[in-house]
């Protein structure tokens, strides 16, 4: 009798773990769909491939971070926007460095 109760508890615990695992998988899939949708919207405004690649990496980071929160689908768009600003800032600084380097190289020649 006692072993039957214990077996029941273990089975229920295993069922609950499976339900949680399935819920997490479904949530991760929903986050991936939202990430892809947000990237498609932004890809029409993105210029070169390097910028797109950086934005894709940033979106992957944002999605991973969003999944650690209680409401990942709510948080992801804002995180992605922040990451996009960071990517644009990085690209702007890189362009400035390239421009200054070209100026210095032209002076050296």
Protein backbone atom coordinates (compact mmCIF):
# COMPACT_ATOMS: atom_id res chain seq x y z
CA UNK A 1 0.00 0.00 0.00
CA UNK A 2 2.74 2.46 0.97
CA UNK A 3 4.76 1.63 -2.13
CA UNK A 4 1.67 2.25 -4.30
CA UNK A 5 1.32 5.75 -2.83
CA UNK A 6 5.01 6.41 -3.38
CA UNK A 7 4.78 5.15 -6.97
CA UNK A 8 1.76 7.40 -7.54
CA UNK A 9 3.65 10.43 -6.21
CA UNK A 10 6.67 9.66 -8.37
CA UNK A 11 4.46 9.23 -11.43
CA UNK A 12 2.65 12.52 -10.74
CA UNK A 13 5.96 14.26 -10.17
CA UNK A 14 7.26 12.90 -13.47
CA UNK A 15 4.07 14.05 -15.21
CA UNK A 16 4.45 17.53 -13.75
CA UNK A 17 8.06 17.67 -14.90
CA UNK A 18 7.02 16.62 -18.38
CA UNK A 19 4.29 19.27 -18.43
CA UNK A 20 6.80 21.93 -17.35
CA UNK A 21 9.28 20.76 -19.99
CA UNK A 22 6.61 20.93 -22.70
CA UNK A 23 5.50 24.37 -21.52
CA UNK A 24 9.09 25.66 -21.63
CA UNK A 25 9.57 24.20 -25.10
CA UNK A 26 6.35 25.84 -26.31
CA UNK A 27 7.39 29.14 -24.78
CA UNK A 28 10.83 28.94 -26.42
CA UNK A 29 9.19 28.20 -29.78
CA UNK A 30 6.87 31.20 -29.37
CA UNK A 31 9.85 33.42 -28.54
CA UNK A 32 11.69 32.16 -31.64
CA UNK A 33 8.65 32.92 -33.82
CA UNK A 34 8.39 36.43 -32.37
CA UNK A 35 12.14 36.96 -32.84
CA UNK A 36 11.90 35.90 -36.49
CA UNK A 37 8.93 38.19 -37.03
CA UNK A 38 10.68 41.16 -35.46
CA UNK A 39 13.83 40.49 -37.49
CA UNK A 40 11.81 40.30 -40.73
CA UNK A 41 10.30 43.70 -39.98
CA UNK A 42 13.71 45.19 -39.31
CA UNK A 43 15.42 43.48 -42.26
CA UNK A 44 13.54 45.68 -44.71
CA UNK A 45 15.25 48.72 -43.18
CA UNK A 46 18.70 47.13 -42.78
CA UNK A 47 21.34 47.89 -45.35
CA UNK A 48 24.37 45.64 -45.55
CA UNK A 49 24.87 42.01 -44.61
CA UNK A 50 27.21 42.82 -41.73
CA UNK A 51 24.55 44.90 -40.05
CA UNK A 52 21.99 42.14 -40.54
CA UNK A 53 24.35 39.55 -39.06
CA UNK A 54 25.03 41.71 -36.00
CA UNK A 55 21.32 42.32 -35.54
CA UNK A 56 20.61 38.59 -35.81
CA UNK A 57 23.19 37.87 -33.12
CA UNK A 58 21.73 40.63 -30.95
CA UNK A 59 18.24 39.16 -31.44
CA UNK A 60 19.48 35.74 -30.36
CA UNK A 61 20.97 37.30 -27.23
CA UNK A 62 17.76 39.21 -26.55
CA UNK A 63 15.68 36.04 -26.97
CA UNK A 64 17.91 34.09 -24.58
CA UNK A 65 17.68 36.87 -22.02
CA UNK A 66 13.91 37.20 -22.49
CA UNK A 67 13.47 33.48 -21.78
CA UNK A 68 14.93 34.01 -18.31
CA UNK A 69 12.08 36.39 -17.43
CA UNK A 70 8.56 35.62 -16.34
CA UNK A 71 7.02 37.21 -19.47
CA UNK A 72 9.46 36.63 -22.35
CA UNK A 73 7.04 37.54 -25.15
CA UNK A 74 6.37 40.89 -23.52
CA UNK A 75 10.03 41.63 -22.82
CA UNK A 76 11.59 40.51 -26.13
CA UNK A 77 10.57 43.46 -28.36
CA UNK A 78 12.01 45.98 -25.90
CA UNK A 79 15.21 44.00 -25.43
CA UNK A 80 15.61 43.68 -29.17
CA UNK A 81 15.14 47.42 -29.61
CA UNK A 82 17.86 48.10 -27.02
CA UNK A 83 20.17 45.60 -28.72
CA UNK A 84 19.44 47.23 -32.09
CA UNK A 85 20.45 50.63 -30.71
CA UNK A 86 23.67 49.09 -29.41
CA UNK A 87 24.40 47.55 -32.83
CA UNK A 88 23.77 50.86 -34.57
CA UNK A 89 26.03 52.67 -32.09
CA UNK A 90 28.75 50.10 -32.63
CA UNK A 91 28.49 50.40 -36.42
CA UNK A 92 28.59 54.20 -36.20
CA UNK A 93 31.77 54.07 -34.09
CA UNK A 94 33.32 51.58 -36.50
CA UNK A 95 32.53 53.86 -39.46
CA UNK A 96 34.15 56.79 -37.64
CA UNK A 97 37.28 54.74 -36.95
CA UNK A 98 37.44 53.63 -40.60
CA UNK A 99 37.06 57.22 -41.78
CA UNK A 100 39.82 58.49 -39.48
CA UNK A 101 42.09 55.62 -40.47
CA UNK A 102 41.58 56.44 -44.15
CA UNK A 103 42.41 60.10 -43.44
CA UNK A 104 45.61 59.11 -41.65
CA UNK A 105 46.57 56.71 -44.41
CA UNK A 106 46.08 59.39 -47.03
CA UNK A 107 48.29 61.78 -45.05
CA UNK A 108 50.98 59.14 -44.71
CA UNK A 109 51.06 58.49 -48.46
